[in-house]
């Protein structure tokens, strides 16, 4: 099945500048190396929007940092009781949205 848009030339409403693209790629590569070097370490992360998260760096891949958030000391939903060690959250964060990563 062909798309009705295939025959016409699409005009981009945004196109990343070549220098900016190279800078962002370099930043992504650098953050990937930093995160890979500190995998499984406890960190505090601050985003550009001012959100702060604490957890362990689980994995970093394709511009996404996976931060394991501990639910230690917290009860989930309406079910009080023993904490399931396998119920921790993993939060995906976009590398370009990170302002600071600090070891804790």
PDB file of N, CA and C in Angstrom:
ATOM      1  N   UNK A   1       0.843  -1.161   0.000  1.00  0.00           N
ATOM      2  CA  UNK A   1       0.000   0.000   0.000  1.00  0.00           C
ATOM      3  C   UNK A   1       0.896   1.234   0.000  1.00  0.00           C
ATOM      4  N   UNK A   2       0.661   2.125  -0.903  1.00  0.00           N
ATOM      5  CA  UNK A   2       1.501   3.314  -0.994  1.00  0.00           C
ATOM      6  C   UNK A   2       0.883   4.458  -0.200  1.00  0.00           C
ATOM      7  N   UNK A   3       1.747   5.343   0.245  1.00  0.00           N
ATOM      8  CA  UNK A   3       1.314   6.503   1.019  1.00  0.00           C
ATOM      9  C   UNK A   3       0.922   7.630   0.070  1.00  0.00           C
ATOM     10  N   UNK A   4      -0.116   8.402   0.397  1.00  0.00           N
ATOM     11  CA  UNK A   4      -0.489   9.529  -0.471  1.00  0.00           C
ATOM     12  C   UNK A   4       0.567  10.626  -0.446  1.00  0.00           C
ATOM     13  N   UNK A   5       1.471  10.582   0.543  1.00  0.00           N
ATOM     14  CA  UNK A   5       2.515  11.599   0.661  1.00  0.00           C
ATOM     15  C   UNK A   5       3.797  11.217  -0.084  1.00  0.00           C
ATOM     16  N   UNK A   6       3.869  10.001  -0.588  1.00  0.00           N
ATOM     17  CA  UNK A   6       5.090   9.521  -1.234  1.00  0.00           C
ATOM     18  C   UNK A   6       5.404  10.290  -2.510  1.00  0.00           C
ATOM     19  N   UNK A   7       4.413  10.723  -3.236  1.00  0.00           N
ATOM     20  CA  UNK A   7       4.631  11.382  -4.523  1.00  0.00           C
ATOM     21  C   UNK A   7       5.046  12.843  -4.373  1.00  0.00           C
ATOM     22  N   UNK A   8       4.696  13.477  -3.286  1.00  0.00           N
ATOM     23  CA  UNK A   8       5.023  14.893  -3.136  1.00  0.00           C
ATOM     24  C   UNK A   8       6.307  15.087  -2.325  1.00  0.00           C
ATOM     25  N   UNK A   9       6.989  16.165  -2.577  1.00  0.00           N
ATOM     26  CA  UNK A   9       8.201  16.514  -1.847  1.00  0.00           C
ATOM     27  C   UNK A   9       7.805  17.142  -0.511  1.00  0.00           C
ATOM     28  N   UNK A  10       8.320  16.606   0.594  1.00  0.00           N
ATOM     29  CA  UNK A  10       7.998  17.146   1.912  1.00  0.00           C
ATOM     30  C   UNK A  10       8.953  18.276   2.252  1.00  0.00           C
ATOM     31  N   UNK A  11       8.424  19.350   2.798  1.00  0.00           N
ATOM     32  CA  UNK A  11       9.222  20.481   3.225  1.00  0.00           C
ATOM     33  C   UNK A  11       9.374  20.423   4.737  1.00  0.00           C
ATOM     34  N   UNK A  12      10.614  20.292   5.230  1.00  0.00           N
ATOM     35  CA  UNK A  12      10.795  20.214   6.683  1.00  0.00           C
ATOM     36  C   UNK A  12      10.425  21.533   7.357  1.00  0.00           C
ATOM     37  N   UNK A  13       9.801  21.440   8.531  1.00  0.00           N
ATOM     38  CA  UNK A  13       9.525  22.640   9.306  1.00  0.00           C
ATOM     39  C   UNK A  13      10.647  22.902  10.308  1.00  0.00           C
ATOM     40  N   UNK A  14      11.539  21.911  10.496  1.00  0.00           N
ATOM     41  CA  UNK A  14      12.748  22.070  11.307  1.00  0.00           C
ATOM     42  C   UNK A  14      13.798  21.136  10.769  1.00  0.00           C
ATOM     43  N   UNK A  15      15.021  21.619  10.693  1.00  0.00           N
ATOM     44  CA  UNK A  15      16.146  20.782  10.312  1.00  0.00           C
ATOM     45  C   UNK A  15      17.346  21.209  11.140  1.00  0.00           C
ATOM     46  N   UNK A  16      17.952  20.260  11.818  1.00  0.00           N
ATOM     47  CA  UNK A  16      19.079  20.538  12.705  1.00  0.00           C
ATOM     48  C   UNK A  16      20.285  21.012  11.897  1.00  0.00           C
ATOM     49  N   UNK A  17      20.917  22.074  12.386  1.00  0.00           N
ATOM     50  CA  UNK A  17      22.134  22.599  11.780  1.00  0.00           C
ATOM     51  C   UNK A  17      23.249  21.551  11.890  1.00  0.00           C
ATOM     52  N   UNK A  18      24.099  21.464  10.889  1.00  0.00           N
ATOM     53  CA  UNK A  18      25.174  20.473  10.873  1.00  0.00           C
ATOM     54  C   UNK A  18      26.124  20.592  12.046  1.00  0.00           C
ATOM     55  N   UNK A  19      26.520  21.818  12.417  1.00  0.00           N
ATOM     56  CA  UNK A  19      27.419  22.013  13.561  1.00  0.00           C
ATOM     57  C   UNK A  19      26.743  21.596  14.864  1.00  0.00           C
ATOM     58  N   UNK A  20      25.465  21.937  15.013  1.00  0.00           N
ATOM     59  CA  UNK A  20      24.726  21.543  16.209  1.00  0.00           C
ATOM     60  C   UNK A  20      24.609  20.029  16.279  1.00  0.00           C
ATOM     61  N   UNK A  21      24.360  19.397  15.145  1.00  0.00           N
ATOM     62  CA  UNK A  21      24.261  17.938  15.107  1.00  0.00           C
ATOM     63  C   UNK A  21      25.557  17.292  15.582  1.00  0.00           C
ATOM     64  N   UNK A  22      26.696  17.784  15.103  1.00  0.00           N
ATOM     65  CA  UNK A  22      27.990  17.244  15.530  1.00  0.00           C
ATOM     66  C   UNK A  22      28.220  17.478  17.017  1.00  0.00           C
ATOM     67  N   UNK A  23      27.842  18.646  17.526  1.00  0.00           N
ATOM     68  CA  UNK A  23      27.997  18.949  18.952  1.00  0.00           C
ATOM     69  C   UNK A  23      27.132  18.025  19.800  1.00  0.00           C
ATOM     70  N   UNK A  24      25.878  17.832  19.401  1.00  0.00           N
ATOM     71  CA  UNK A  24      24.979  16.951  20.142  1.00  0.00           C
ATOM     72  C   UNK A  24      25.469  15.505  20.102  1.00  0.00           C
ATOM     73  N   UNK A  25      25.978  15.064  18.968  1.00  0.00           N
ATOM     74  CA  UNK A  25      26.505  13.699  18.863  1.00  0.00           C
ATOM     75  C   UNK A  25      27.708  13.525  19.788  1.00  0.00           C
ATOM     76  N   UNK A  26      28.581  14.536  19.826  1.00  0.00           N
ATOM     77  CA  UNK A  26      29.742  14.490  20.708  1.00  0.00           C
ATOM     78  C   UNK A  26      29.315  14.445  22.175  1.00  0.00           C
ATOM     79  N   UNK A  27      28.322  15.258  22.530  1.00  0.00           N
ATOM     80  CA  UNK A  27      27.798  15.267  23.894  1.00  0.00           C
ATOM     81  C   UNK A  27      27.203  13.915  24.254  1.00  0.00           C
ATOM     82  N   UNK A  28      26.426  13.342  23.355  1.00  0.00           N
ATOM     83  CA  UNK A  28      25.809  12.032  23.590  1.00  0.00           C
ATOM     84  C   UNK A  28      26.882  10.965  23.806  1.00  0.00           C
ATOM     85  N   UNK A  29      27.926  10.983  22.984  1.00  0.00           N
ATOM     86  CA  UNK A  29      29.007  10.008  23.127  1.00  0.00           C
ATOM     87  C   UNK A  29      29.717  10.169  24.467  1.00  0.00           C
ATOM     88  N   UNK A  30      29.972  11.431  24.860  1.00  0.00           N
ATOM     89  CA  UNK A  30      30.653  11.697  26.134  1.00  0.00           C
ATOM     90  C   UNK A  30      29.808  11.220  27.317  1.00  0.00           C
ATOM     91  N   UNK A  31      28.506  11.559  27.326  1.00  0.00           N
ATOM     92  CA  UNK A  31      27.637  11.135  28.418  1.00  0.00           C
ATOM     93  C   UNK A  31      27.499   9.620  28.465  1.00  0.00           C
ATOM     94  N   UNK A  32      27.480   8.983  27.306  1.00  0.00           N
ATOM     95  CA  UNK A  32      27.411   7.523  27.263  1.00  0.00           C
ATOM     96  C   UNK A  32      28.646   6.920  27.935  1.00  0.00           C
ATOM     97  N   UNK A  33      29.823   7.452  27.649  1.00  0.00           N
ATOM     98  CA  UNK A  33      31.061   6.963  28.267  1.00  0.00           C
ATOM     99  C   UNK A  33      31.055   7.182  29.783  1.00  0.00           C
ATOM    100  N   UNK A  34      30.609   8.367  30.219  1.00  0.00           N
ATOM    101  CA  UNK A  34      30.549   8.661  31.653  1.00  0.00           C
ATOM    102  C   UNK A  34      29.609   7.683  32.354  1.00  0.00           C
ATOM    103  N   UNK A  35      28.434   7.480  31.779  1.00  0.00           N
ATOM    104  CA  UNK A  35      27.450   6.589  32.392  1.00  0.00           C
ATOM    105  C   UNK A  35      27.925   5.139  32.390  1.00  0.00           C
ATOM    106  N   UNK A  36      28.543   4.702  31.306  1.00  0.00           N
ATOM    107  CA  UNK A  36      29.046   3.331  31.230  1.00  0.00           C
ATOM    108  C   UNK A  36      30.150   3.110  32.266  1.00  0.00           C
ATOM    109  N   UNK A  37      30.995   4.116  32.460  1.00  0.00           N
ATOM    110  CA  UNK A  37      32.103   4.018  33.427  1.00  0.00           C
ATOM    111  C   UNK A  37      31.583   3.945  34.868  1.00  0.00           C
ATOM    112  N   UNK A  38      30.418   4.525  35.125  1.00  0.00           N
ATOM    113  CA  UNK A  38      29.872   4.562  36.474  1.00  0.00           C
ATOM    114  C   UNK A  38      28.628   3.680  36.635  1.00  0.00           C
ATOM    115  N   UNK A  39      28.502   2.671  35.794  1.00  0.00           N
ATOM    116  CA  UNK A  39      27.360   1.752  35.881  1.00  0.00           C
ATOM    117  C   UNK A  39      27.321   1.084  37.251  1.00  0.00           C
ATOM    118  N   UNK A  40      26.115   0.867  37.733  1.00  0.00           N
ATOM    119  CA  UNK A  40      25.854   0.221  39.024  1.00  0.00           C
ATOM    120  C   UNK A  40      26.322   1.034  40.220  1.00  0.00           C
ATOM    121  N   UNK A  41      26.608   2.309  40.017  1.00  0.00           N
ATOM    122  CA  UNK A  41      26.994   3.189  41.116  1.00  0.00           C
ATOM    123  C   UNK A  41      25.803   4.054  41.501  1.00  0.00           C
ATOM    124  N   UNK A  42      25.686   4.391  42.795  1.00  0.00           N
ATOM    125  CA  UNK A  42      24.600   5.281  43.206  1.00  0.00           C
ATOM    126  C   UNK A  42      24.873   6.712  42.755  1.00  0.00           C
ATOM    127  N   UNK A  43      23.864   7.333  42.163  1.00  0.00           N
ATOM    128  CA  UNK A  43      24.016   8.685  41.626  1.00  0.00           C
ATOM    129  C   UNK A  43      22.794   9.539  41.956  1.00  0.00           C
ATOM    130  N   UNK A  44      23.007  10.836  41.899  1.00  0.00           N
ATOM    131  CA  UNK A  44      21.911  11.813  41.940  1.00  0.00           C
ATOM    132  C   UNK A  44      21.959  12.524  40.595  1.00  0.00           C
ATOM    133  N   UNK A  45      20.809  12.580  39.938  1.00  0.00           N
ATOM    134  CA  UNK A  45      20.728  13.184  38.614  1.00  0.00           C
ATOM    135  C   UNK A  45      19.772  14.359  38.658  1.00  0.00           C
ATOM    136  N   UNK A  46      20.212  15.479  38.102  1.00  0.00           N
ATOM    137  CA  UNK A  46      19.358  16.648  37.965  1.00  0.00           C
ATOM    138  C   UNK A  46      19.130  16.886  36.481  1.00  0.00           C
ATOM    139  N   UNK A  47      17.869  17.115  36.125  1.00  0.00           N
ATOM    140  CA  UNK A  47      17.540  17.358  34.729  1.00  0.00           C
ATOM    141  C   UNK A  47      17.488  18.864  34.462  1.00  0.00           C
ATOM    142  N   UNK A  48      17.448  19.209  33.200  1.00  0.00           N
ATOM    143  CA  UNK A  48      17.359  20.610  32.790  1.00  0.00           C
ATOM    144  C   UNK A  48      16.097  21.259  33.359  1.00  0.00           C
ATOM    145  N   UNK A  49      15.044  20.472  33.535  1.00  0.00           N
ATOM    146  CA  UNK A  49      13.776  20.982  34.053  1.00  0.00           C
ATOM    147  C   UNK A  49      13.757  21.119  35.568  1.00  0.00           C
ATOM    148  N   UNK A  50      14.855  20.733  36.248  1.00  0.00           N
ATOM    149  CA  UNK A  50      14.940  20.874  37.697  1.00  0.00           C
ATOM    150  C   UNK A  50      14.516  19.647  38.483  1.00  0.00           C
ATOM    151  N   UNK A  51      14.148  18.559  37.811  1.00  0.00           N
ATOM    152  CA  UNK A  51      13.804  17.320  38.510  1.00  0.00           C
ATOM    153  C   UNK A  51      15.081  16.665  39.025  1.00  0.00           C
ATOM    154  N   UNK A  52      14.995  16.052  40.205  1.00  0.00           N
ATOM    155  CA  UNK A  52      16.142  15.372  40.802  1.00  0.00           C
ATOM    156  C   UNK A  52      15.745  13.936  41.101  1.00  0.00           C
ATOM    157  N   UNK A  53      16.606  12.995  40.698  1.00  0.00           N
ATOM    158  CA  UNK A  53      16.369  11.578  40.922  1.00  0.00           C
ATOM    159  C   UNK A  53      17.614  10.962  41.534  1.00  0.00           C
ATOM    160  N   UNK A  54      17.425  10.000  42.435  1.00  0.00           N
ATOM    161  CA  UNK A  54      18.533   9.241  42.995  1.00  0.00           C
ATOM    162  C   UNK A  54      18.303   7.774  42.695  1.00  0.00           C
ATOM    163  N   UNK A  55      19.373   7.096  42.342  1.00  0.00           N
ATOM    164  CA  UNK A  55      19.281   5.677  42.042  1.00  0.00           C
ATOM    165  C   UNK A  55      20.621   5.155  41.571  1.00  0.00           C
ATOM    166  N   UNK A  56      20.590   4.036  40.888  1.00  0.00           N
ATOM    167  CA  UNK A  56      21.790   3.397  40.343  1.00  0.00           C
ATOM    168  C   UNK A  56      21.710   3.411  38.825  1.00  0.00           C
ATOM    169  N   UNK A  57      22.818   3.700  38.181  1.00  0.00           N
ATOM    170  CA  UNK A  57      22.866   3.631  36.723  1.00  0.00           C
ATOM    171  C   UNK A  57      22.790   2.161  36.332  1.00  0.00           C
ATOM    172  N   UNK A  58      21.717   1.806  35.649  1.00  0.00           N
ATOM    173  CA  UNK A  58      21.509   0.420  35.236  1.00  0.00           C
ATOM    174  C   UNK A  58      22.150   0.144  33.875  1.00  0.00           C
ATOM    175  N   UNK A  59      21.922   1.076  32.940  1.00  0.00           N
ATOM    176  CA  UNK A  59      22.368   0.856  31.565  1.00  0.00           C
ATOM    177  C   UNK A  59      22.273   2.180  30.813  1.00  0.00           C
ATOM    178  N   UNK A  60      23.037   2.306  29.764  1.00  0.00           N
ATOM    179  CA  UNK A  60      22.964   3.480  28.906  1.00  0.00           C
ATOM    180  C   UNK A  60      23.081   2.993  27.472  1.00  0.00           C
ATOM    181  N   UNK A  61      22.092   3.363  26.654  1.00  0.00           N
ATOM    182  CA  UNK A  61      22.080   2.873  25.287  1.00  0.00           C
ATOM    183  C   UNK A  61      21.280   3.811  24.397  1.00  0.00           C
ATOM    184  N   UNK A  62      21.829   4.158  23.253  1.00  0.00           N
ATOM    185  CA  UNK A  62      21.142   4.943  22.221  1.00  0.00           C
ATOM    186  C   UNK A  62      20.539   6.245  22.750  1.00  0.00           C
ATOM    187  N   UNK A  63      21.297   6.946  23.594  1.00  0.00           N
ATOM    188  CA  UNK A  63      20.860   8.245  24.081  1.00  0.00           C
ATOM    189  C   UNK A  63      19.918   8.203  25.266  1.00  0.00           C
ATOM    190  N   UNK A  64      19.720   7.012  25.846  1.00  0.00           N
ATOM    191  CA  UNK A  64      18.836   6.849  26.996  1.00  0.00           C
ATOM    192  C   UNK A  64      19.636   6.287  28.166  1.00  0.00           C
ATOM    193  N   UNK A  65      19.487   6.913  29.337  1.00  0.00           N
ATOM    194  CA  UNK A  65      20.079   6.415  30.574  1.00  0.00           C
ATOM    195  C   UNK A  65      18.974   5.723  31.360  1.00  0.00           C
ATOM    196  N   UNK A  66      19.211   4.492  31.778  1.00  0.00           N
ATOM    197  CA  UNK A  66      18.245   3.747  32.569  1.00  0.00           C
ATOM    198  C   UNK A  66      18.698   3.796  34.022  1.00  0.00           C
ATOM    199  N   UNK A  67      17.900   4.482  34.845  1.00  0.00           N
ATOM    200  CA  UNK A  67      18.226   4.698  36.241  1.00  0.00           C
ATOM    201  C   UNK A  67      17.332   3.819  37.100  1.00  0.00           C
ATOM    202  N   UNK A  68      17.954   2.940  37.887  1.00  0.00           N
ATOM    203  CA  UNK A  68      17.201   2.087  38.797  1.00  0.00           C
ATOM    204  C   UNK A  68      16.857   2.867  40.049  1.00  0.00           C
ATOM    205  N   UNK A  69      15.566   3.054  40.295  1.00  0.00           N
ATOM    206  CA  UNK A  69      15.102   3.768  41.473  1.00  0.00           C
ATOM    207  C   UNK A  69      14.753   2.758  42.552  1.00  0.00           C
ATOM    208  N   UNK A  70      15.296   2.925  43.719  1.00  0.00           N
ATOM    209  CA  UNK A  70      14.996   2.018  44.813  1.00  0.00           C
ATOM    210  C   UNK A  70      13.687   2.412  45.462  1.00  0.00           C
ATOM    211  N   UNK A  71      12.889   1.428  45.832  1.00  0.00           N
ATOM    212  CA  UNK A  71      11.668   1.713  46.577  1.00  0.00           C
ATOM    213  C   UNK A  71      11.868   1.387  48.047  1.00  0.00           C
ATOM    214  N   UNK A  72      13.114   1.323  48.463  1.00  0.00           N
ATOM    215  CA  UNK A  72      13.446   0.993  49.849  1.00  0.00           C
ATOM    216  C   UNK A  72      12.823   2.018  50.796  1.00  0.00           C
ATOM    217  N   UNK A  73      12.091   1.533  51.782  1.00  0.00           N
ATOM    218  CA  UNK A  73      11.454   2.420  52.742  1.00  0.00           C
ATOM    219  C   UNK A  73      10.101   2.937  52.303  1.00  0.00           C
ATOM    220  N   UNK A  74       9.644   2.561  51.110  1.00  0.00           N
ATOM    221  CA  UNK A  74       8.362   3.021  50.602  1.00  0.00           C
ATOM    222  C   UNK A  74       7.464   1.827  50.338  1.00  0.00           C
ATOM    223  N   UNK A  75       6.185   2.011  50.574  1.00  0.00           N
ATOM    224  CA  UNK A  75       5.212   0.987  50.254  1.00  0.00           C
ATOM    225  C   UNK A  75       4.469   1.417  49.011  1.00  0.00           C
ATOM    226  N   UNK A  76       4.239   0.505  48.092  1.00  0.00           N
ATOM    227  CA  UNK A  76       3.588   0.820  46.825  1.00  0.00           C
ATOM    228  C   UNK A  76       2.100   0.565  46.919  1.00  0.00           C
ATOM    229  N   UNK A  77       1.354   1.405  46.275  1.00  0.00           N
ATOM    230  CA  UNK A  77      -0.106   1.280  46.132  1.00  0.00           C
ATOM    231  C   UNK A  77      -0.767   1.154  47.494  1.00  0.00           C
ATOM    232  N   UNK A  78      -1.722   0.234  47.623  1.00  0.00           N
ATOM    233  CA  UNK A  78      -2.479   0.066  48.852  1.00  0.00           C
ATOM    234  C   UNK A  78      -2.157  -1.251  49.538  1.00  0.00           C
ATOM    235  N   UNK A  79      -0.999  -1.793  49.240  1.00  0.00           N
ATOM    236  CA  UNK A  79      -0.661  -3.109  49.755  1.00  0.00           C
ATOM    237  C   UNK A  79       0.537  -3.034  50.690  1.00  0.00           C
ATOM    238  N   UNK A  80       0.320  -2.643  51.962  1.00  0.00           N
ATOM    239  CA  UNK A  80       1.442  -2.606  52.890  1.00  0.00           C
ATOM    240  C   UNK A  80       1.946  -4.010  53.158  1.00  0.00           C
ATOM    241  N   UNK A  81       3.180  -4.087  53.525  1.00  0.00           N
ATOM    242  CA  UNK A  81       3.745  -5.394  53.826  1.00  0.00           C
ATOM    243  C   UNK A  81       5.189  -5.440  53.410  1.00  0.00           C
ATOM    244  N   UNK A  82       5.746  -6.629  53.342  1.00  0.00           N
ATOM    245  CA  UNK A  82       7.172  -6.744  52.975  1.00  0.00           C
ATOM    246  C   UNK A  82       7.425  -6.228  51.563  1.00  0.00           C
ATOM    247  N   UNK A  83       8.578  -5.634  51.396  1.00  0.00           N
ATOM    248  CA  UNK A  83       8.950  -5.067  50.096  1.00  0.00           C
ATOM    249  C   UNK A  83       9.510  -6.160  49.206  1.00  0.00           C
ATOM    250  N   UNK A  84       9.000  -6.232  48.003  1.00  0.00           N
ATOM    251  CA  UNK A  84       9.494  -7.189  47.025  1.00  0.00           C
ATOM    252  C   UNK A  84      10.768  -6.631  46.404  1.00  0.00           C
ATOM    253  N   UNK A  85      11.914  -7.302  46.544  1.00  0.00           N
ATOM    254  CA  UNK A  85      13.163  -6.758  46.000  1.00  0.00           C
ATOM    255  C   UNK A  85      13.160  -6.658  44.476  1.00  0.00           C
ATOM    256  N   UNK A  86      12.198  -7.301  43.814  1.00  0.00           N
ATOM    257  CA  UNK A  86      12.142  -7.262  42.356  1.00  0.00           C
ATOM    258  C   UNK A  86      11.157  -6.212  41.846  1.00  0.00           C
ATOM    259  N   UNK A  87      10.657  -5.342  42.741  1.00  0.00           N
ATOM    260  CA  UNK A  87       9.654  -4.369  42.319  1.00  0.00           C
ATOM    261  C   UNK A  87      10.224  -2.956  42.205  1.00  0.00           C
ATOM    262  N   UNK A  88      11.521  -2.817  42.067  1.00  0.00           N
ATOM    263  CA  UNK A  88      12.107  -1.494  41.887  1.00  0.00           C
ATOM    264  C   UNK A  88      11.767  -0.965  40.502  1.00  0.00           C
ATOM    265  N   UNK A  89      11.698   0.352  40.394  1.00  0.00           N
ATOM    266  CA  UNK A  89      11.397   1.000  39.130  1.00  0.00           C
ATOM    267  C   UNK A  89      12.672   1.252  38.349  1.00  0.00           C
ATOM    268  N   UNK A  90      12.574   1.237  37.038  1.00  0.00           N
ATOM    269  CA  UNK A  90      13.661   1.674  36.165  1.00  0.00           C
ATOM    270  C   UNK A  90      13.130   2.857  35.375  1.00  0.00           C
ATOM    271  N   UNK A  91      13.802   3.995  35.544  1.00  0.00           N
ATOM    272  CA  UNK A  91      13.370   5.236  34.913  1.00  0.00           C
ATOM    273  C   UNK A  91      14.257   5.525  33.711  1.00  0.00           C
ATOM    274  N   UNK A  92      13.704   5.605  32.504  1.00  0.00           N
ATOM    275  CA  UNK A  92      14.514   5.991  31.337  1.00  0.00           C
ATOM    276  C   UNK A  92      14.618   7.516  31.264  1.00  0.00           C
ATOM    277  N   UNK A  93      15.824   8.017  31.138  1.00  0.00           N
ATOM    278  CA  UNK A  93      16.070   9.456  31.015  1.00  0.00           C
ATOM    279  C   UNK A  93      16.832   9.732  29.732  1.00  0.00           C
ATOM    280  N   UNK A  94      16.426  10.752  29.002  1.00  0.00           N
ATOM    281  CA  UNK A  94      17.102  11.129  27.769  1.00  0.00           C
ATOM    282  C   UNK A  94      18.384  11.873  28.125  1.00  0.00           C
ATOM    283  N   UNK A  95      19.516  11.457  27.546  1.00  0.00           N
ATOM    284  CA  UNK A  95      20.808  12.053  27.892  1.00  0.00           C
ATOM    285  C   UNK A  95      20.833  13.557  27.666  1.00  0.00           C
ATOM    286  N   UNK A  96      20.151  14.050  26.634  1.00  0.00           N
ATOM    287  CA  UNK A  96      20.183  15.482  26.335  1.00  0.00           C
ATOM    288  C   UNK A  96      19.436  16.308  27.375  1.00  0.00           C
ATOM    289  N   UNK A  97      18.647  15.658  28.216  1.00  0.00           N
ATOM    290  CA  UNK A  97      17.857  16.358  29.224  1.00  0.00           C
ATOM    291  C   UNK A  97      18.578  16.435  30.566  1.00  0.00           C
ATOM    292  N   UNK A  98      19.785  15.871  30.663  1.00  0.00           N
ATOM    293  CA  UNK A  98      20.498  15.831  31.924  1.00  0.00           C
ATOM    294  C   UNK A  98      21.344  17.089  32.114  1.00  0.00           C
ATOM    295  N   UNK A  99      21.266  17.647  33.302  1.00  0.00           N
ATOM    296  CA  UNK A  99      22.052  18.825  33.647  1.00  0.00           C
ATOM    297  C   UNK A  99      23.270  18.425  34.467  1.00  0.00           C
ATOM    298  N   UNK A 100      23.082  17.508  35.428  1.00  0.00           N
ATOM    299  CA  UNK A 100      24.185  17.094  36.289  1.00  0.00           C
ATOM    300  C   UNK A 100      23.996  15.662  36.732  1.00  0.00           C
ATOM    301  N   UNK A 101      25.120  14.936  36.857  1.00  0.00           N
ATOM    302  CA  UNK A 101      25.160  13.588  37.416  1.00  0.00           C
ATOM    303  C   UNK A 101      26.208  13.629  38.507  1.00  0.00           C
ATOM    304  N   UNK A 102      25.813  13.267  39.735  1.00  0.00           N
ATOM    305  CA  UNK A 102      26.747  13.289  40.866  1.00  0.00           C
ATOM    306  C   UNK A 102      26.753  11.932  41.536  1.00  0.00           C
ATOM    307  N   UNK A 103      27.940  11.455  41.917  1.00  0.00           N
ATOM    308  CA  UNK A 103      28.033  10.226  42.679  1.00  0.00           C
ATOM    309  C   UNK A 103      27.592  10.508  44.097  1.00  0.00           C
ATOM    310  N   UNK A 104      26.852   9.563  44.687  1.00  0.00           N
ATOM    311  CA  UNK A 104      26.433   9.716  46.087  1.00  0.00           C
ATOM    312  C   UNK A 104      26.884   8.525  46.893  1.00  0.00           C
TER     313      UNK A 104
END
